[in-house]
C-alpha atoms as a PDB file:
ATOM      1  CA  PRO A   1      34.887 -13.318  79.587  1.00  0.00           C
ATOM      2  CA  SER A   2      36.238 -13.051  83.092  1.00  0.00           C
ATOM      3  CA  THR A   3      38.476 -15.148  85.291  1.00  0.00           C
ATOM      4  CA  SER A   4      37.238 -16.016  88.738  1.00  0.00           C
ATOM      5  CA  LEU A   5      39.249 -14.749  91.665  1.00  0.00           C
ATOM      6  CA  LEU A   6      39.396 -18.327  92.971  1.00  0.00           C
ATOM      7  CA  GLY A   7      41.313 -19.622  89.962  1.00  0.00           C
ATOM      8  CA  GLN A   8      38.408 -21.454  88.421  1.00  0.00           C
ATOM      9  CA  ASP A   9      37.725 -21.676  84.720  1.00  0.00           C
ATOM     10  CA  PRO A  10      37.122 -18.450  82.924  1.00  0.00           C
ATOM     11  CA  GLY A  11      33.482 -17.768  82.331  1.00  0.00           C
ATOM     12  CA  CYS A  12      31.130 -14.974  81.554  1.00  0.00           C
ATOM     13  CA  LEU A  13      29.782 -12.641  84.155  1.00  0.00           C
ATOM     14  CA  PHE A  14      26.221 -11.476  83.666  1.00  0.00           C
ATOM     15  CA  THR A  15      24.559  -8.837  85.739  1.00  0.00           C
ATOM     16  CA  PHE A  16      20.818  -8.316  85.722  1.00  0.00           C
ATOM     17  CA  PHE A  17      18.953  -5.343  87.043  1.00  0.00           C
ATOM     18  CA  ASN A  18      15.274  -5.315  87.715  1.00  0.00           C
ATOM     19  CA  ILE A  19      14.036  -1.758  87.628  1.00  0.00           C
ATOM     20  CA  PHE A  20      10.476  -1.107  88.618  1.00  0.00           C
ATOM     21  CA  PHE A  21       8.656   2.139  88.024  1.00  0.00           C
ATOM     22  CA  SER A  22       5.702   2.722  90.255  1.00  0.00           C
ATOM     23  CA  PRO A  23       2.666   4.135  88.497  1.00  0.00           C
ATOM     24  CA  ASP A  24       1.158   7.411  89.569  1.00  0.00           C
ATOM     25  CA  PRO A  25      -0.489   6.980  92.945  1.00  0.00           C
ATOM     26  CA  PRO A  26      -4.290   6.852  92.970  1.00  0.00           C
ATOM     27  CA  ARG A  27      -5.886  10.289  93.252  1.00  0.00           C
ATOM     28  CA  SER A  28      -9.448  11.372  93.732  1.00  0.00           C
ATOM     29  CA  PRO A  29     -10.689  13.949  91.245  1.00  0.00           C
ATOM     30  CA  SER A  30      -9.849  17.617  91.443  1.00  0.00           C
ATOM     31  CA  VAL A  31     -11.777  19.595  88.866  1.00  0.00           C
ATOM     32  CA  HIS A  32     -10.658  22.446  86.629  1.00  0.00           C
ATOM     33  CA  LEU A  33     -13.077  24.356  84.412  1.00  0.00           C
ATOM     34  CA  SER A  34     -12.464  26.381  81.287  1.00  0.00           C
ATOM     35  CA  ARG A  35     -14.684  27.892  78.646  1.00  0.00           C
ATOM     36  CA  THR A  36     -14.491  28.876  74.990  1.00  0.00           C
ATOM     37  CA  ILE A  37     -16.808  31.458  73.466  1.00  0.00           C
ATOM     38  CA  ASN A  38     -17.175  31.581  69.690  1.00  0.00           C
ATOM     39  CA  GLY A  39     -17.783  35.053  68.323  1.00  0.00           C
ATOM     40  CA  SER A  40     -16.990  38.374  69.923  1.00  0.00           C
ATOM     41  CA  GLY A  41     -15.845  36.963  73.269  1.00  0.00           C
ATOM     42  CA  GLN A  42     -19.147  37.854  74.921  1.00  0.00           C
ATOM     43  CA  ILE A  43     -21.974  35.401  75.502  1.00  0.00           C
ATOM     44  CA  LEU A  44     -24.716  36.829  73.332  1.00  0.00           C
ATOM     45  CA  GLU A  45     -27.803  35.117  72.009  1.00  0.00           C
ATOM     46  CA  GLY A  46     -26.927  33.017  68.973  1.00  0.00           C
ATOM     47  CA  SER A  47     -23.284  32.483  69.975  1.00  0.00           C
ATOM     48  CA  SER A  48     -21.726  29.146  70.913  1.00  0.00           C
ATOM     49  CA  VAL A  49     -20.126  28.304  74.270  1.00  0.00           C
ATOM     50  CA  THR A  50     -18.025  25.235  75.085  1.00  0.00           C
ATOM     51  CA  LEU A  51     -17.513  24.344  78.740  1.00  0.00           C
ATOM     52  CA  THR A  52     -14.606  22.014  79.511  1.00  0.00           C
ATOM     53  CA  CYS A  53     -14.108  20.067  82.709  1.00  0.00           C
ATOM     54  CA  SER A  54     -10.730  18.462  83.417  1.00  0.00           C
ATOM     55  CA  SER A  55      -9.209  16.473  86.242  1.00  0.00           C
ATOM     56  CA  ASP A  56      -5.882  14.884  87.157  1.00  0.00           C
ATOM     57  CA  ALA A  57      -7.596  11.933  88.856  1.00  0.00           C
ATOM     58  CA  ASN A  58      -6.046   8.464  88.812  1.00  0.00           C
ATOM     59  CA  PRO A  59      -7.801   6.351  87.673  1.00  0.00           C
ATOM     60  CA  ALA A  60      -9.196   8.758  85.114  1.00  0.00           C
ATOM     61  CA  ALA A  61     -12.443  10.510  85.961  1.00  0.00           C
ATOM     62  CA  ASN A  62     -15.769  10.181  84.201  1.00  0.00           C
ATOM     63  CA  TYR A  63     -17.549  13.479  83.594  1.00  0.00           C
ATOM     64  CA  THR A  64     -21.201  14.485  83.723  1.00  0.00           C
ATOM     65  CA  TRP A  65     -22.666  17.958  83.097  1.00  0.00           C
ATOM     66  CA  PHE A  66     -25.947  19.053  84.701  1.00  0.00           C
ATOM     67  CA  LYS A  67     -27.913  22.296  84.616  1.00  0.00           C
ATOM     68  CA  GLU A  68     -29.203  23.654  87.931  1.00  0.00           C
ATOM     69  CA  ASN A  69     -32.464  22.116  89.137  1.00  0.00           C
ATOM     70  CA  LYS A  70     -32.431  19.489  86.373  1.00  0.00           C
ATOM     71  CA  ASP A  71     -31.982  15.794  87.175  1.00  0.00           C
ATOM     72  CA  SER A  72     -31.128  14.530  83.708  1.00  0.00           C
ATOM     73  CA  PRO A  73     -27.560  15.069  82.469  1.00  0.00           C
ATOM     74  CA  LYS A  74     -26.892  17.617  79.730  1.00  0.00           C
ATOM     75  CA  SER A  75     -23.751  15.718  78.686  1.00  0.00           C
ATOM     76  CA  GLU A  76     -21.617  12.782  79.790  1.00  0.00           C
ATOM     77  CA  GLU A  77     -18.511  14.075  78.059  1.00  0.00           C
ATOM     78  CA  GLN A  78     -15.588  16.168  79.250  1.00  0.00           C
ATOM     79  CA  MET A  79     -16.663  19.002  76.934  1.00  0.00           C
ATOM     80  CA  PHE A  80     -20.185  20.414  76.772  1.00  0.00           C
ATOM     81  CA  THR A  81     -21.155  22.784  73.940  1.00  0.00           C
ATOM     82  CA  ILE A  82     -24.199  25.029  73.935  1.00  0.00           C
ATOM     83  CA  SER A  83     -24.818  26.069  70.329  1.00  0.00           C
ATOM     84  CA  ASP A  84     -27.066  28.938  69.252  1.00  0.00           C
ATOM     85  CA  ILE A  85     -27.411  29.973  72.894  1.00  0.00           C
ATOM     86  CA  THR A  86     -30.559  31.721  74.125  1.00  0.00           C
ATOM     87  CA  ALA A  87     -31.459  33.486  77.375  1.00  0.00           C
ATOM     88  CA  GLU A  88     -33.107  30.245  78.566  1.00  0.00           C
ATOM     89  CA  ASP A  89     -29.692  28.538  78.374  1.00  0.00           C
ATOM     90  CA  GLY A  90     -28.324  30.913  81.001  1.00  0.00           C
ATOM     91  CA  GLY A  91     -27.898  29.589  84.505  1.00  0.00           C
ATOM     92  CA  LEU A  92     -25.681  27.463  86.692  1.00  0.00           C
ATOM     93  CA  TYR A  93     -24.009  24.395  85.156  1.00  0.00           C
ATOM     94  CA  ILE A  94     -22.394  21.687  87.280  1.00  0.00           C
ATOM     95  CA  CYS A  95     -19.568  19.403  86.197  1.00  0.00           C
ATOM     96  CA  VAL A  96     -19.218  16.190  88.200  1.00  0.00           C
ATOM     97  CA  ALA A  97     -15.868  14.389  87.892  1.00  0.00           C
ATOM     98  CA  GLN A  98     -15.964  10.928  89.428  1.00  0.00           C
ATOM     99  CA  ASN A  99     -13.749   7.879  89.787  1.00  0.00           C
ATOM    100  CA  LYS A 100     -13.767   4.955  92.216  1.00  0.00           C
ATOM    101  CA  LEU A 101     -12.075   7.080  94.907  1.00  0.00           C
ATOM    102  CA  GLY A 102     -14.708   9.791  94.981  1.00  0.00           C
ATOM    103  CA  GLN A 103     -16.171  12.708  93.120  1.00  0.00           C
ATOM    104  CA  GLN A 104     -15.827  16.466  92.952  1.00  0.00           C
ATOM    105  CA  ASN A 105     -18.294  18.998  91.604  1.00  0.00           C
ATOM    106  CA  SER A 106     -17.524  22.398  90.135  1.00  0.00           C
ATOM    107  CA  THR A 107     -19.914  25.016  88.867  1.00  0.00           C
ATOM    108  CA  VAL A 108     -19.944  27.637  86.158  1.00  0.00           C
ATOM    109  CA  GLN A 109     -22.490  30.438  85.839  1.00  0.00           C
ATOM    110  CA  VAL A 110     -23.462  31.241  82.259  1.00  0.00           C
ATOM    111  CA  SER A 111     -24.988  34.699  81.820  1.00  0.00           C
ATOM    112  CA  VAL A 112     -26.355  35.249  78.328  1.00  0.00           C
ATOM    113  CA  GLY A 113     -26.325  38.825  77.059  1.00  0.00           C
ATOM    114  CA  SER A 114     -24.109  40.195  79.845  1.00  0.00           C
ATOM    115  CA  GLY A 115     -20.806  39.002  78.389  1.00  0.00           C
ATOM    116  CA  LYS A 116     -19.756  37.587  81.755  1.00  0.00           C
ATOM    117  CA  LEU A 117     -18.832  34.052  82.645  1.00  0.00           C
ATOM    118  CA  ARG A 118     -18.048  33.388  86.290  1.00  0.00           C
ATOM    119  CA  ILE A 119     -16.246  30.221  87.304  1.00  0.00           C
ATOM    120  CA  SER A 120     -16.003  28.819  90.813  1.00  0.00           C
ATOM    121  CA  SER A 121     -14.442  25.454  91.483  1.00  0.00           C
ATOM    122  CA  ALA A 122     -14.020  22.893  94.254  1.00  0.00           C
ATOM    123  CA  ALA A 123     -17.611  23.350  95.369  1.00  0.00           C
ATOM    124  CA  GLU A 124     -18.025  19.855  96.764  1.00  0.00           C
ATOM    125  CA  PHE A 125     -16.000  16.672  97.244  1.00  0.00           C
ATOM    126  CA  LYS A 126     -17.427  13.277  98.135  1.00  0.00           C
ATOM    127  CA  GLU A 127     -15.245  10.300  98.987  1.00  0.00           C
ATOM    128  CA  ASP A 128     -16.501   6.863  98.054  1.00  0.00           C
ATOM    129  CA  PRO A 129     -16.961   4.967 101.346  1.00  0.00           C
ATOM    130  CA  GLN A 130     -16.679   1.578  99.602  1.00  0.00           C
ATOM    131  CA  ASP A 131     -12.940   1.929  98.925  1.00  0.00           C
ATOM    132  CA  PRO A 132     -10.363   1.797 101.728  1.00  0.00           C
END
């Protein structure tokens, strides 16, 4: 209870606060690649390799994996696993991360038998012209 400074009847004083938290601002995708090799740590025939594509895009990105010179996707998941790998599985793999603000591609070169995995990122960015 409180008494008004003007001598009016005592009453209750309520204070309300409206606190608004702004969500993360929209961001186009930026792509980060990582890989996991099961076995000795080298990519040898018969081993398993998991390629992971990640992004801090807002809204969240959708992922698609392609192999060089192939039109059909290898995977439409964030992680792509090549099990029982053979020499024919070697080559350039492309991860496409896309949301309504644009897309970014990153590539990873898989060399079977050499024990080397080279990663290069930020190869290409395309902004969606339909959004302001």
